[in-house]
Amino acid sequence: MNARAARLEAEIASLEAEFRRKLVAALRDCANGRWGLFGQNDHVQEAYSREVEELLELGASIEELRRKVGISEPFELYDAFRAKRGWKGENALGEPRLAKEWLNELEE
């Protein structure tokens, strides 16, 4: 592995850790009753607009760097976050409960 690839991989690891920290902080807020992280209710989405935008931008940057280094697998936390955003329907978990369940999965 050349020095540039090693630097990029270290940067990826650092950004992935930052993404996880930011996601966990947002999930804790949401689990404590702050709605809007998952975009289930349009009228409260602005409560998390800055955090959501940061997570989406950071995740996209990570994906781009991973491609540059030749990592074909997607960044799982970013994919899961995008997939869980906007889950709607009568059988969908409410945002605080969804956040609590995801936190439990992440902390195991």
Protein backbone atom coordinates (compact mmCIF):
# COMPACT_ATOMS: atom_id res chain seq x y z
CA MET A 1 0.00 0.00 0.00
CA ASN A 2 1.37 3.38 -0.91
CA ALA A 3 1.50 6.37 1.42
CA ARG A 4 -1.41 8.13 -0.29
CA ALA A 5 -3.69 5.09 0.08
CA ALA A 6 -2.67 4.71 3.72
CA ARG A 7 -3.47 8.40 4.35
CA LEU A 8 -6.87 8.04 2.67
CA GLU A 9 -7.70 4.93 4.68
CA ALA A 10 -6.76 6.73 7.91
CA GLU A 11 -8.95 9.65 6.86
CA ILE A 12 -11.83 7.28 6.09
CA ALA A 13 -11.52 5.64 9.51
CA SER A 14 -11.50 9.06 11.19
CA LEU A 15 -14.56 10.25 9.24
CA GLU A 16 -16.44 7.01 9.92
CA ALA A 17 -15.77 7.43 13.66
CA GLU A 18 -16.99 11.04 13.45
CA PHE A 19 -20.14 9.90 11.61
CA ARG A 20 -20.83 7.31 14.29
CA ARG A 21 -20.34 9.86 17.12
CA LYS A 22 -22.69 12.35 15.46
CA LEU A 23 -25.26 9.68 14.67
CA VAL A 24 -25.24 8.29 18.22
CA ALA A 25 -25.64 11.82 19.68
CA ALA A 26 -28.60 12.48 17.38
CA LEU A 27 -30.11 9.07 18.19
CA ARG A 28 -29.85 9.77 21.93
CA ASP A 29 -31.64 13.10 21.49
CA CYS A 30 -34.31 11.43 19.40
CA ALA A 31 -34.70 8.55 21.88
CA ASN A 32 -35.33 11.19 24.55
CA GLY A 33 -38.29 12.55 22.62
CA ARG A 34 -36.88 14.93 20.00
CA TRP A 35 -38.68 14.16 16.73
CA GLY A 36 -37.45 14.90 13.20
CA LEU A 37 -34.29 12.80 12.78
CA PHE A 38 -35.95 10.18 10.61
CA GLY A 39 -38.21 12.51 8.65
CA GLN A 40 -41.42 10.73 9.62
CA ASN A 41 -43.30 13.92 10.37
CA ASP A 42 -42.77 16.73 7.89
CA HIS A 43 -43.74 19.43 10.39
CA VAL A 44 -40.87 18.60 12.77
CA GLN A 45 -38.09 17.84 10.30
CA GLU A 46 -36.52 21.26 10.67
CA ALA A 47 -35.67 20.38 14.28
CA TYR A 48 -32.89 18.14 12.95
CA SER A 49 -32.24 19.77 9.58
CA ARG A 50 -28.65 20.79 10.41
CA GLU A 51 -27.71 17.42 11.95
CA VAL A 52 -29.35 15.45 9.16
CA GLU A 53 -27.63 17.55 6.50
CA GLU A 54 -24.26 17.08 8.23
CA LEU A 55 -24.75 13.32 8.47
CA LEU A 56 -25.81 13.03 4.84
CA GLU A 57 -22.89 15.16 3.61
CA LEU A 58 -20.38 13.34 5.80
CA GLY A 59 -21.71 9.96 4.68
CA ALA A 60 -21.49 10.95 1.01
CA SER A 61 -17.89 12.12 1.53
CA ILE A 62 -17.02 8.81 3.17
CA GLU A 63 -18.57 6.87 0.30
CA GLU A 64 -16.58 8.91 -2.22
CA LEU A 65 -13.30 8.34 -0.37
CA ARG A 66 -14.05 4.63 -0.05
CA ARG A 67 -14.51 4.43 -3.83
CA LYS A 68 -11.21 6.26 -4.41
CA VAL A 69 -9.37 3.70 -2.30
CA GLY A 70 -11.15 0.82 -4.02
CA ILE A 71 -13.48 -0.20 -1.17
CA SER A 72 -16.56 -1.47 -2.96
CA GLU A 73 -18.67 -2.13 0.13
CA PRO A 74 -20.92 0.75 1.18
CA PHE A 75 -20.50 2.42 4.56
CA GLU A 76 -23.14 0.46 6.48
CA LEU A 77 -24.10 3.11 9.05
CA TYR A 78 -24.67 5.68 6.31
CA ASP A 79 -26.72 3.22 4.25
CA ALA A 80 -28.80 2.29 7.30
CA PHE A 81 -29.39 5.93 8.19
CA ARG A 82 -30.59 6.75 4.68
CA ALA A 83 -32.80 3.65 4.64
CA LYS A 84 -34.43 4.44 7.99
CA ARG A 85 -35.13 8.08 7.10
CA GLY A 86 -38.68 8.58 5.95
CA TRP A 87 -40.05 5.24 7.11
CA LYS A 88 -43.73 6.00 7.32
CA GLY A 89 -46.91 4.08 7.69
CA GLU A 90 -49.17 2.88 10.42
CA ASN A 91 -46.85 0.00 11.33
CA ALA A 92 -43.65 2.09 11.40
CA LEU A 93 -42.06 2.60 14.79
CA GLY A 94 -42.22 6.13 16.13
CA GLU A 95 -38.95 8.03 15.88
CA PRO A 96 -38.02 7.84 19.60
CA ARG A 97 -38.62 4.09 19.68
CA LEU A 98 -36.77 3.56 16.40
CA ALA A 99 -33.85 5.57 17.81
CA LYS A 100 -33.81 3.53 21.05
CA GLU A 101 -33.80 0.23 19.15
CA TRP A 102 -31.03 1.38 16.84
CA LEU A 103 -28.96 2.65 19.76
CA ASN A 104 -29.32 -0.74 21.43
CA GLU A 105 -28.10 -2.45 18.25
CA LEU A 106 -25.13 -0.08 17.92
CA GLU A 107 -24.07 -0.42 21.54
CA GLU A 108 -24.10 -4.23 21.61
